[in-house]
């Protein structure tokens, strides 16, 4: 969802997603270790 924050991904309250069904698809991958992000990637197609 708009306002995505990678810092929240590894915590207890992850960010929201929203289904659009429209192009492109947006993807985030976050590698978490000990409740903290250590790497994040943004992809789309």
ModelCIF file with pLDDT and N, C-alpha, C, O atoms, coordinates in Angstrom:
data_MODEL
#
_entry.id   MODEL 
#
_entity.id                         1 
_entity.type                       polymer 
_entity.pdbx_number_of_molecules   1 
#
_entity_poly.entity_id                      1 
_entity_poly.type                           'polypeptide(L)' 
_entity_poly.nstd_linkage                   no 
_entity_poly.nstd_monomer                   no 
_entity_poly.pdbx_seq_one_letter_code       
;(UNK)(UNK)(UNK)(UNK)(UNK)(UNK)(UNK)(UNK)(UNK)(UNK)(UNK)(UNK)(UNK)(UNK)(UNK)(UNK)
(UNK)(UNK)(UNK)(UNK)(UNK)(UNK)(UNK)(UNK)(UNK)(UNK)(UNK)(UNK)(UNK)(UNK)(UNK)(UNK)
(UNK)(UNK)(UNK)(UNK)(UNK)(UNK)(UNK)(UNK)(UNK)(UNK)(UNK)(UNK)(UNK)
;
_entity_poly.pdbx_seq_one_letter_code_can   XXXXXXXXXXXXXXXXXXXXXXXXXXXXXXXXXXXXXXXXXXXXX 
_entity_poly.pdbx_strand_id                 A 
#
loop_
_entity_poly_seq.entity_id 
_entity_poly_seq.num 
_entity_poly_seq.mon_id 
_entity_poly_seq.hetero 
1 1  UNK n 
1 2  UNK n 
1 3  UNK n 
1 4  UNK n 
1 5  UNK n 
1 6  UNK n 
1 7  UNK n 
1 8  UNK n 
1 9  UNK n 
1 10 UNK n 
1 11 UNK n 
1 12 UNK n 
1 13 UNK n 
1 14 UNK n 
1 15 UNK n 
1 16 UNK n 
1 17 UNK n 
1 18 UNK n 
1 19 UNK n 
1 20 UNK n 
1 21 UNK n 
1 22 UNK n 
1 23 UNK n 
1 24 UNK n 
1 25 UNK n 
1 26 UNK n 
1 27 UNK n 
1 28 UNK n 
1 29 UNK n 
1 30 UNK n 
1 31 UNK n 
1 32 UNK n 
1 33 UNK n 
1 34 UNK n 
1 35 UNK n 
1 36 UNK n 
1 37 UNK n 
1 38 UNK n 
1 39 UNK n 
1 40 UNK n 
1 41 UNK n 
1 42 UNK n 
1 43 UNK n 
1 44 UNK n 
1 45 UNK n 
#
_struct_asym.id          A 
_struct_asym.entity_id   1 
#
loop_
_ma_qa_metric.id 
_ma_qa_metric.mode 
_ma_qa_metric.name 
_ma_qa_metric.software_group_id 
_ma_qa_metric.type 
1 global pLDDT . pLDDT 
2 local  pLDDT . pLDDT 
#
_ma_qa_metric_global.metric_id      1 
_ma_qa_metric_global.metric_value   86.73 
_ma_qa_metric_global.model_id       1 
_ma_qa_metric_global.ordinal_id     1 
#
loop_
_ma_qa_metric_local.label_asym_id 
_ma_qa_metric_local.label_comp_id 
_ma_qa_metric_local.label_seq_id 
_ma_qa_metric_local.metric_id 
_ma_qa_metric_local.metric_value 
_ma_qa_metric_local.model_id 
_ma_qa_metric_local.ordinal_id 
A UNK 1  2 86.00 1 1  
A UNK 2  2 84.00 1 2  
A UNK 3  2 82.00 1 3  
A UNK 4  2 84.00 1 4  
A UNK 5  2 86.00 1 5  
A UNK 6  2 86.00 1 6  
A UNK 7  2 85.00 1 7  
A UNK 8  2 87.00 1 8  
A UNK 9  2 88.00 1 9  
A UNK 10 2 89.00 1 10 
A UNK 11 2 82.00 1 11 
A UNK 12 2 75.00 1 12 
A UNK 13 2 75.00 1 13 
A UNK 14 2 75.00 1 14 
A UNK 15 2 76.00 1 15 
A UNK 16 2 78.00 1 16 
A UNK 17 2 80.00 1 17 
A UNK 18 2 76.00 1 18 
A UNK 19 2 69.00 1 19 
A UNK 20 2 67.00 1 20 
A UNK 21 2 66.00 1 21 
A UNK 22 2 72.00 1 22 
A UNK 23 2 78.00 1 23 
A UNK 24 2 90.00 1 24 
A UNK 25 2 92.00 1 25 
A UNK 26 2 92.00 1 26 
A UNK 27 2 95.00 1 27 
A UNK 28 2 95.00 1 28 
A UNK 29 2 97.00 1 29 
A UNK 30 2 97.00 1 30 
A UNK 31 2 97.00 1 31 
A UNK 32 2 95.00 1 32 
A UNK 33 2 93.00 1 33 
A UNK 34 2 86.00 1 34 
A UNK 35 2 87.00 1 35 
A UNK 36 2 93.00 1 36 
A UNK 37 2 95.00 1 37 
A UNK 38 2 96.00 1 38 
A UNK 39 2 98.00 1 39 
A UNK 40 2 97.00 1 40 
A UNK 41 2 98.00 1 41 
A UNK 42 2 96.00 1 42 
A UNK 43 2 97.00 1 43 
A UNK 44 2 96.00 1 44 
A UNK 45 2 95.00 1 45 
#
loop_
_atom_site.group_PDB 
_atom_site.id 
_atom_site.type_symbol 
_atom_site.label_atom_id 
_atom_site.label_alt_id 
_atom_site.label_comp_id 
_atom_site.label_asym_id 
_atom_site.label_entity_id 
_atom_site.label_seq_id 
_atom_site.pdbx_PDB_ins_code 
_atom_site.Cartn_x 
_atom_site.Cartn_y 
_atom_site.Cartn_z 
_atom_site.occupancy 
_atom_site.B_iso_or_equiv 
_atom_site.pdbx_formal_charge 
_atom_site.auth_seq_id 
_atom_site.auth_comp_id 
_atom_site.auth_asym_id 
_atom_site.auth_atom_id 
_atom_site.pdbx_PDB_model_num 
ATOM 1   N N  . UNK A 1 1  ? 0.840  -1.194  0.000   1.00 86.00 ? 1  UNK A N  1 
ATOM 2   C CA . UNK A 1 1  ? 0.000  0.000   0.000   1.00 86.00 ? 1  UNK A CA 1 
ATOM 3   C C  . UNK A 1 1  ? 0.879  1.250   0.000   1.00 86.00 ? 1  UNK A C  1 
ATOM 4   O O  . UNK A 1 1  ? 2.043  1.188   0.396   1.00 86.00 ? 1  UNK A O  1 
ATOM 5   N N  . UNK A 1 2  ? 0.337  2.368   -0.436  1.00 84.00 ? 2  UNK A N  1 
ATOM 6   C CA . UNK A 1 2  ? 1.100  3.617   -0.376  1.00 84.00 ? 2  UNK A CA 1 
ATOM 7   C C  . UNK A 1 2  ? 1.599  3.864   1.053   1.00 84.00 ? 2  UNK A C  1 
ATOM 8   O O  . UNK A 1 2  ? 0.917  3.548   2.027   1.00 84.00 ? 2  UNK A O  1 
ATOM 9   N N  . UNK A 1 3  ? 2.790  4.428   1.153   1.00 82.00 ? 3  UNK A N  1 
ATOM 10  C CA . UNK A 1 3  ? 3.385  4.681   2.455   1.00 82.00 ? 3  UNK A CA 1 
ATOM 11  C C  . UNK A 1 3  ? 4.188  3.512   2.984   1.00 82.00 ? 3  UNK A C  1 
ATOM 12  O O  . UNK A 1 3  ? 4.534  3.484   4.165   1.00 82.00 ? 3  UNK A O  1 
ATOM 13  N N  . UNK A 1 4  ? 4.493  2.539   2.125   1.00 84.00 ? 4  UNK A N  1 
ATOM 14  C CA . UNK A 1 4  ? 5.272  1.366   2.512   1.00 84.00 ? 4  UNK A CA 1 
ATOM 15  C C  . UNK A 1 4  ? 6.529  1.792   3.262   1.00 84.00 ? 4  UNK A C  1 
ATOM 16  O O  . UNK A 1 4  ? 7.194  2.753   2.876   1.00 84.00 ? 4  UNK A O  1 
ATOM 17  N N  . UNK A 1 5  ? 6.849  1.076   4.332   1.00 86.00 ? 5  UNK A N  1 
ATOM 18  C CA . UNK A 1 5  ? 8.031  1.364   5.127   1.00 86.00 ? 5  UNK A CA 1 
ATOM 19  C C  . UNK A 1 5  ? 8.722  0.035   5.433   1.00 86.00 ? 5  UNK A C  1 
ATOM 20  O O  . UNK A 1 5  ? 8.172  -0.806  6.143   1.00 86.00 ? 5  UNK A O  1 
ATOM 21  N N  . UNK A 1 6  ? 9.921  -0.148  4.898   1.00 86.00 ? 6  UNK A N  1 
ATOM 22  C CA . UNK A 1 6  ? 10.647 -1.405  5.091   1.00 86.00 ? 6  UNK A CA 1 
ATOM 23  C C  . UNK A 1 6  ? 10.944 -1.681  6.555   1.00 86.00 ? 6  UNK A C  1 
ATOM 24  O O  . UNK A 1 6  ? 11.059 -2.843  6.946   1.00 86.00 ? 6  UNK A O  1 
ATOM 25  N N  . UNK A 1 7  ? 11.068 -0.656  7.366   1.00 85.00 ? 7  UNK A N  1 
ATOM 26  C CA . UNK A 1 7  ? 11.354 -0.869  8.788   1.00 85.00 ? 7  UNK A CA 1 
ATOM 27  C C  . UNK A 1 7  ? 10.226 -1.613  9.490   1.00 85.00 ? 7  UNK A C  1 
ATOM 28  O O  . UNK A 1 7  ? 10.462 -2.293  10.488  1.00 85.00 ? 7  UNK A O  1 
ATOM 29  N N  . UNK A 1 8  ? 8.998  -1.491  8.980   1.00 87.00 ? 8  UNK A N  1 
ATOM 30  C CA . UNK A 1 8  ? 7.860  -2.144  9.619   1.00 87.00 ? 8  UNK A CA 1 
ATOM 31  C C  . UNK A 1 8  ? 7.713  -3.618  9.238   1.00 87.00 ? 8  UNK A C  1 
ATOM 32  O O  . UNK A 1 8  ? 7.028  -4.371  9.930   1.00 87.00 ? 8  UNK A O  1 
ATOM 33  N N  . UNK A 1 9  ? 8.342  -4.025  8.162   1.00 88.00 ? 9  UNK A N  1 
ATOM 34  C CA . UNK A 1 9  ? 8.175  -5.383  7.641   1.00 88.00 ? 9  UNK A CA 1 
ATOM 35  C C  . UNK A 1 9  ? 8.612  -6.437  8.652   1.00 88.00 ? 9  UNK A C  1 
ATOM 36  O O  . UNK A 1 9  ? 7.972  -7.483  8.765   1.00 88.00 ? 9  UNK A O  1 
ATOM 37  N N  . UNK A 1 10 ? 9.671  -6.183  9.373   1.00 89.00 ? 10 UNK A N  1 
ATOM 38  C CA . UNK A 1 10 ? 10.226 -7.172  10.286  1.00 89.00 ? 10 UNK A CA 1 
ATOM 39  C C  . UNK A 1 10 ? 9.618  -7.089  11.683  1.00 89.00 ? 10 UNK A C  1 
ATOM 40  O O  . UNK A 1 10 ? 9.909  -7.935  12.528  1.00 89.00 ? 10 UNK A O  1 
ATOM 41  N N  . UNK A 1 11 ? 8.790  -6.097  11.936  1.00 82.00 ? 11 UNK A N  1 
ATOM 42  C CA . UNK A 1 11 ? 8.192  -5.921  13.250  1.00 82.00 ? 11 UNK A CA 1 
ATOM 43  C C  . UNK A 1 11 ? 6.886  -6.663  13.412  1.00 82.00 ? 11 UNK A C  1 
ATOM 44  O O  . UNK A 1 11 ? 6.509  -7.493  12.585  1.00 82.00 ? 11 UNK A O  1 
ATOM 45  N N  . UNK A 1 12 ? 6.211  -6.346  14.490  1.00 75.00 ? 12 UNK A N  1 
ATOM 46  C CA . UNK A 1 12 ? 4.958  -7.036  14.826  1.00 75.00 ? 12 UNK A CA 1 
ATOM 47  C C  . UNK A 1 12 ? 3.780  -6.562  13.983  1.00 75.00 ? 12 UNK A C  1 
ATOM 48  O O  . UNK A 1 12 ? 2.799  -7.292  13.838  1.00 75.00 ? 12 UNK A O  1 
ATOM 49  N N  . UNK A 1 13 ? 3.856  -5.361  13.427  1.00 75.00 ? 13 UNK A N  1 
ATOM 50  C CA . UNK A 1 13 ? 2.755  -4.822  12.627  1.00 75.00 ? 13 UNK A CA 1 
ATOM 51  C C  . UNK A 1 13 ? 3.260  -4.531  11.219  1.00 75.00 ? 13 UNK A C  1 
ATOM 52  O O  . UNK A 1 13 ? 3.702  -3.416  10.940  1.00 75.00 ? 13 UNK A O  1 
ATOM 53  N N  . UNK A 1 14 ? 3.201  -5.514  10.335  1.00 75.00 ? 14 UNK A N  1 
ATOM 54  C CA . UNK A 1 14 ? 3.723  -5.309  8.982   1.00 75.00 ? 14 UNK A CA 1 
ATOM 55  C C  . UNK A 1 14 ? 2.852  -4.339  8.188   1.00 75.00 ? 14 UNK A C  1 
ATOM 56  O O  . UNK A 1 14 ? 1.685  -4.128  8.519   1.00 75.00 ? 14 UNK A O  1 
ATOM 57  N N  . UNK A 1 15 ? 3.427  -3.750  7.134   1.00 76.00 ? 15 UNK A N  1 
ATOM 58  C CA . UNK A 1 15 ? 2.664  -2.816  6.310   1.00 76.00 ? 15 UNK A CA 1 
ATOM 59  C C  . UNK A 1 15 ? 1.514  -3.513  5.578   1.00 76.00 ? 15 UNK A C  1 
ATOM 60  O O  . UNK A 1 15 ? 1.532  -4.729  5.387   1.00 76.00 ? 15 UNK A O  1 
ATOM 61  N N  . UNK A 1 16 ? 0.550  -2.750  5.186   1.00 78.00 ? 16 UNK A N  1 
ATOM 62  C CA . UNK A 1 16 ? -0.620 -3.254  4.462   1.00 78.00 ? 16 UNK A CA 1 
ATOM 63  C C  . UNK A 1 16 ? -0.281 -3.440  2.983   1.00 78.00 ? 16 UNK A C  1 
ATOM 64  O O  . UNK A 1 16 ? 0.640  -2.826  2.444   1.00 78.00 ? 16 UNK A O  1 
ATOM 65  N N  . UNK A 1 17 ? -1.054 -4.299  2.366   1.00 80.00 ? 17 UNK A N  1 
ATOM 66  C CA . UNK A 1 17 ? -0.966 -4.461  0.917   1.00 80.00 ? 17 UNK A CA 1 
ATOM 67  C C  . UNK A 1 17 ? -2.318 -4.070  0.339   1.00 80.00 ? 17 UNK A C  1 
ATOM 68  O O  . UNK A 1 17 ? -3.314 -3.993  1.058   1.00 80.00 ? 17 UNK A O  1 
ATOM 69  N N  . UNK A 1 18 ? -2.341 -3.828  -0.950  1.00 76.00 ? 18 UNK A N  1 
ATOM 70  C CA . UNK A 1 18 ? -3.618 -3.544  -1.600  1.00 76.00 ? 18 UNK A CA 1 
ATOM 71  C C  . UNK A 1 18 ? -3.639 -4.231  -2.954  1.00 76.00 ? 18 UNK A C  1 
ATOM 72  O O  . UNK A 1 18 ? -2.657 -4.202  -3.696  1.00 76.00 ? 18 UNK A O  1 
ATOM 73  N N  . UNK A 1 19 ? -4.750 -4.838  -3.258  1.00 69.00 ? 19 UNK A N  1 
ATOM 74  C CA . UNK A 1 19 ? -4.898 -5.559  -4.515  1.00 69.00 ? 19 UNK A CA 1 
ATOM 75  C C  . UNK A 1 19 ? -5.456 -4.592  -5.545  1.00 69.00 ? 19 UNK A C  1 
ATOM 76  O O  . UNK A 1 19 ? -6.526 -4.013  -5.358  1.00 69.00 ? 19 UNK A O  1 
ATOM 77  N N  . UNK A 1 20 ? -4.720 -4.427  -6.630  1.00 67.00 ? 20 UNK A N  1 
ATOM 78  C CA . UNK A 1 20 ? -5.197 -3.539  -7.679  1.00 67.00 ? 20 UNK A CA 1 
ATOM 79  C C  . UNK A 1 20 ? -5.600 -4.320  -8.922  1.00 67.00 ? 20 UNK A C  1 
ATOM 80  O O  . UNK A 1 20 ? -6.531 -3.931  -9.627  1.00 67.00 ? 20 UNK A O  1 
ATOM 81  N N  . UNK A 1 21 ? -4.907 -5.414  -9.190  1.00 66.00 ? 21 UNK A N  1 
ATOM 82  C CA . UNK A 1 21 ? -5.175 -6.180  -10.395 1.00 66.00 ? 21 UNK A CA 1 
ATOM 83  C C  . UNK A 1 21 ? -4.704 -5.460  -11.644 1.00 66.00 ? 21 UNK A C  1 
ATOM 84  O O  . UNK A 1 21 ? -4.919 -5.923  -12.764 1.00 66.00 ? 21 UNK A O  1 
ATOM 85  N N  . UNK A 1 22 ? -4.060 -4.325  -11.438 1.00 72.00 ? 22 UNK A N  1 
ATOM 86  C CA . UNK A 1 22 ? -3.570 -3.537  -12.564 1.00 72.00 ? 22 UNK A CA 1 
ATOM 87  C C  . UNK A 1 22 ? -2.093 -3.809  -12.768 1.00 72.00 ? 22 UNK A C  1 
ATOM 88  O O  . UNK A 1 22 ? -1.413 -4.366  -11.907 1.00 72.00 ? 22 UNK A O  1 
ATOM 89  N N  . UNK A 1 23 ? -1.622 -3.401  -13.927 1.00 78.00 ? 23 UNK A N  1 
ATOM 90  C CA . UNK A 1 23 ? -0.211 -3.559  -14.219 1.00 78.00 ? 23 UNK A CA 1 
ATOM 91  C C  . UNK A 1 23 ? 0.503  -2.279  -13.837 1.00 78.00 ? 23 UNK A C  1 
ATOM 92  O O  . UNK A 1 23 ? -0.111 -1.221  -13.976 1.00 78.00 ? 23 UNK A O  1 
ATOM 93  N N  . UNK A 1 24 ? 1.693  -2.273  -13.386 1.00 90.00 ? 24 UNK A N  1 
ATOM 94  C CA . UNK A 1 24 ? 2.549  -3.416  -13.117 1.00 90.00 ? 24 UNK A CA 1 
ATOM 95  C C  . UNK A 1 24 ? 2.314  -3.976  -11.719 1.00 90.00 ? 24 UNK A C  1 
ATOM 96  O O  . UNK A 1 24 ? 1.641  -3.362  -10.892 1.00 90.00 ? 24 UNK A O  1 
ATOM 97  N N  . UNK A 1 25 ? 2.881  -5.150  -11.473 1.00 92.00 ? 25 UNK A N  1 
ATOM 98  C CA . UNK A 1 25 ? 2.890  -5.694  -10.124 1.00 92.00 ? 25 UNK A CA 1 
ATOM 99  C C  . UNK A 1 25 ? 4.140  -5.125  -9.447  1.00 92.00 ? 25 UNK A C  1 
ATOM 100 O O  . UNK A 1 25 ? 5.226  -5.130  -10.028 1.00 92.00 ? 25 UNK A O  1 
ATOM 101 N N  . UNK A 1 26 ? 3.978  -4.643  -8.236  1.00 92.00 ? 26 UNK A N  1 
ATOM 102 C CA . UNK A 1 26 ? 5.099  -4.128  -7.453  1.00 92.00 ? 26 UNK A CA 1 
ATOM 103 C C  . UNK A 1 26 ? 5.385  -5.118  -6.331  1.00 92.00 ? 26 UNK A C  1 
ATOM 104 O O  . UNK A 1 26 ? 4.475  -5.620  -5.672  1.00 92.00 ? 26 UNK A O  1 
ATOM 105 N N  . UNK A 1 27 ? 6.666  -5.385  -6.131  1.00 95.00 ? 27 UNK A N  1 
ATOM 106 C CA . UNK A 1 27 ? 7.078  -6.375  -5.147  1.00 95.00 ? 27 UNK A CA 1 
ATOM 107 C C  . UNK A 1 27 ? 8.202  -5.795  -4.302  1.00 95.00 ? 27 UNK A C  1 
ATOM 108 O O  . UNK A 1 27 ? 9.088  -5.107  -4.809  1.00 95.00 ? 27 UNK A O  1 
ATOM 109 N N  . UNK A 1 28 ? 8.152  -6.077  -3.028  1.00 95.00 ? 28 UNK A N  1 
ATOM 110 C CA . UNK A 1 28 ? 9.252  -5.746  -2.127  1.00 95.00 ? 28 UNK A CA 1 
ATOM 111 C C  . UNK A 1 28 ? 9.693  -7.040  -1.457  1.00 95.00 ? 28 UNK A C  1 
ATOM 112 O O  . UNK A 1 28 ? 8.858  -7.862  -1.077  1.00 95.00 ? 28 UNK A O  1 
ATOM 113 N N  . UNK A 1 29 ? 10.983 -7.219  -1.315  1.00 97.00 ? 29 UNK A N  1 
ATOM 114 C CA . UNK A 1 29 ? 11.548 -8.347  -0.570  1.00 97.00 ? 29 UNK A CA 1 
ATOM 115 C C  . UNK A 1 29 ? 12.440 -7.759  0.505   1.00 97.00 ? 29 UNK A C  1 
ATOM 116 O O  . UNK A 1 29 ? 13.309 -6.937  0.215   1.00 97.00 ? 29 UNK A O  1 
ATOM 117 N N  . UNK A 1 30 ? 12.231 -8.173  1.736   1.00 97.00 ? 30 UNK A N  1 
ATOM 118 C CA . UNK A 1 30 ? 13.017 -7.653  2.858   1.00 97.00 ? 30 UNK A CA 1 
ATOM 119 C C  . UNK A 1 30 ? 13.591 -8.843  3.633   1.00 97.00 ? 30 UNK A C  1 
ATOM 120 O O  . UNK A 1 30 ? 12.854 -9.726  4.073   1.00 97.00 ? 30 UNK A O  1 
ATOM 121 N N  . UNK A 1 31 ? 14.898 -8.851  3.787   1.00 97.00 ? 31 UNK A N  1 
ATOM 122 C CA . UNK A 1 31 ? 15.575 -9.877  4.575   1.00 97.00 ? 31 UNK A CA 1 
ATOM 123 C C  . UNK A 1 31 ? 15.637 -9.365  6.008   1.00 97.00 ? 31 UNK A C  1 
ATOM 124 O O  . UNK A 1 31 ? 16.291 -8.362  6.294   1.00 97.00 ? 31 UNK A O  1 
ATOM 125 N N  . UNK A 1 32 ? 14.954 -10.061 6.894   1.00 95.00 ? 32 UNK A N  1 
ATOM 126 C CA . UNK A 1 32 ? 14.862 -9.663  8.299   1.00 95.00 ? 32 UNK A CA 1 
ATOM 127 C C  . UNK A 1 32 ? 15.777 -10.529 9.141   1.00 95.00 ? 32 UNK A C  1 
ATOM 128 O O  . UNK A 1 32 ? 15.909 -11.730 8.904   1.00 95.00 ? 32 UNK A O  1 
ATOM 129 N N  . UNK A 1 33 ? 16.403 -9.913  10.120  1.00 93.00 ? 33 UNK A N  1 
ATOM 130 C CA . UNK A 1 33 ? 17.189 -10.639 11.100  1.00 93.00 ? 33 UNK A CA 1 
ATOM 131 C C  . UNK A 1 33 ? 17.046 -9.909  12.431  1.00 93.00 ? 33 UNK A C  1 
ATOM 132 O O  . UNK A 1 33 ? 17.359 -8.724  12.538  1.00 93.00 ? 33 UNK A O  1 
ATOM 133 N N  . UNK A 1 34 ? 16.569 -10.631 13.442  1.00 86.00 ? 34 UNK A N  1 
ATOM 134 C CA . UNK A 1 34 ? 16.354 -10.067 14.779  1.00 86.00 ? 34 UNK A CA 1 
ATOM 135 C C  . UNK A 1 34 ? 15.430 -8.857  14.740  1.00 86.00 ? 34 UNK A C  1 
ATOM 136 O O  . UNK A 1 34 ? 15.714 -7.827  15.350  1.00 86.00 ? 34 UNK A O  1 
ATOM 137 N N  . UNK A 1 35 ? 14.334 -8.991  14.024  1.00 87.00 ? 35 UNK A N  1 
ATOM 138 C CA . UNK A 1 35 ? 13.271 -7.982  13.928  1.00 87.00 ? 35 UNK A CA 1 
ATOM 139 C C  . UNK A 1 35 ? 13.721 -6.676  13.274  1.00 87.00 ? 35 UNK A C  1 
ATOM 140 O O  . UNK A 1 35 ? 13.086 -5.635  13.441  1.00 87.00 ? 35 UNK A O  1 
ATOM 141 N N  . UNK A 1 36 ? 14.835 -6.748  12.522  1.00 93.00 ? 36 UNK A N  1 
ATOM 142 C CA . UNK A 1 36 ? 15.315 -5.561  11.814  1.00 93.00 ? 36 UNK A CA 1 
ATOM 143 C C  . UNK A 1 36 ? 15.586 -5.925  10.361  1.00 93.00 ? 36 UNK A C  1 
ATOM 144 O O  . UNK A 1 36 ? 16.059 -7.025  10.078  1.00 93.00 ? 36 UNK A O  1 
ATOM 145 N N  . UNK A 1 37 ? 15.293 -5.014  9.437   1.00 95.00 ? 37 UNK A N  1 
ATOM 146 C CA . UNK A 1 37 ? 15.641 -5.278  8.038   1.00 95.00 ? 37 UNK A CA 1 
ATOM 147 C C  . UNK A 1 37 ? 17.139 -5.119  7.834   1.00 95.00 ? 37 UNK A C  1 
ATOM 148 O O  . UNK A 1 37 ? 17.738 -4.147  8.294   1.00 95.00 ? 37 UNK A O  1 
ATOM 149 N N  . UNK A 1 38 ? 17.743 -6.082  7.142   1.00 96.00 ? 38 UNK A N  1 
ATOM 150 C CA . UNK A 1 38 ? 19.165 -5.939  6.828   1.00 96.00 ? 38 UNK A CA 1 
ATOM 151 C C  . UNK A 1 38 ? 19.401 -5.721  5.337   1.00 96.00 ? 38 UNK A C  1 
ATOM 152 O O  . UNK A 1 38 ? 20.481 -5.300  4.924   1.00 96.00 ? 38 UNK A O  1 
ATOM 153 N N  . UNK A 1 39 ? 18.372 -6.015  4.531   1.00 98.00 ? 39 UNK A N  1 
ATOM 154 C CA . UNK A 1 39 ? 18.452 -5.724  3.096   1.00 98.00 ? 39 UNK A CA 1 
ATOM 155 C C  . UNK A 1 39 ? 17.032 -5.654  2.550   1.00 98.00 ? 39 UNK A C  1 
ATOM 156 O O  . UNK A 1 39 ? 16.144 -6.380  2.997   1.00 98.00 ? 39 UNK A O  1 
ATOM 157 N N  . UNK A 1 40 ? 16.831 -4.774  1.584   1.00 97.00 ? 40 UNK A N  1 
ATOM 158 C CA . UNK A 1 40 ? 15.519 -4.641  0.950   1.00 97.00 ? 40 UNK A CA 1 
ATOM 159 C C  . UNK A 1 40 ? 15.695 -4.445  -0.549  1.00 97.00 ? 40 UNK A C  1 
ATOM 160 O O  . UNK A 1 40 ? 16.634 -3.791  -1.002  1.00 97.00 ? 40 UNK A O  1 
ATOM 161 N N  . UNK A 1 41 ? 14.774 -5.023  -1.306  1.00 98.00 ? 41 UNK A N  1 
ATOM 162 C CA . UNK A 1 41 ? 14.802 -4.972  -2.768  1.00 98.00 ? 41 UNK A CA 1 
ATOM 163 C C  . UNK A 1 41 ? 13.421 -4.566  -3.265  1.00 98.00 ? 41 UNK A C  1 
ATOM 164 O O  . UNK A 1 41 ? 12.405 -4.957  -2.690  1.00 98.00 ? 41 UNK A O  1 
ATOM 165 N N  . UNK A 1 42 ? 13.392 -3.787  -4.325  1.00 96.00 ? 42 UNK A N  1 
ATOM 166 C CA . UNK A 1 42 ? 12.148 -3.369  -4.979  1.00 96.00 ? 42 UNK A CA 1 
ATOM 167 C C  . UNK A 1 42 ? 12.152 -3.932  -6.396  1.00 96.00 ? 42 UNK A C  1 
ATOM 168 O O  . UNK A 1 42 ? 13.119 -3.756  -7.137  1.00 96.00 ? 42 UNK A O  1 
ATOM 169 N N  . UNK A 1 43 ? 11.074 -4.604  -6.767  1.00 97.00 ? 43 UNK A N  1 
ATOM 170 C CA . UNK A 1 43 ? 10.967 -5.150  -8.117  1.00 97.00 ? 43 UNK A CA 1 
ATOM 171 C C  . UNK A 1 43 ? 9.613  -4.868  -8.718  1.00 97.00 ? 43 UNK A C  1 
ATOM 172 O O  . UNK A 1 43 ? 8.656  -4.586  -7.998  1.00 97.00 ? 43 UNK A O  1 
ATOM 173 N N  . UNK A 1 44 ? 9.522  -4.941  -10.030 1.00 96.00 ? 44 UNK A N  1 
ATOM 174 C CA . UNK A 1 44 ? 8.265  -4.713  -10.725 1.00 96.00 ? 44 UNK A CA 1 
ATOM 175 C C  . UNK A 1 44 ? 8.320  -5.348  -12.106 1.00 96.00 ? 44 UNK A C  1 
ATOM 176 O O  . UNK A 1 44 ? 9.391  -5.597  -12.660 1.00 96.00 ? 44 UNK A O  1 
ATOM 177 N N  . UNK A 1 45 ? 7.155  -5.595  -12.633 1.00 95.00 ? 45 UNK A N  1 
ATOM 178 C CA . UNK A 1 45 ? 7.029  -6.090  -13.999 1.00 95.00 ? 45 UNK A CA 1 
ATOM 179 C C  . UNK A 1 45 ? 5.571  -5.981  -14.424 1.00 95.00 ? 45 UNK A C  1 
ATOM 180 O O  . UNK A 1 45 ? 5.227  -6.343  -15.549 1.00 95.00 ? 45 UNK A O  1 
#
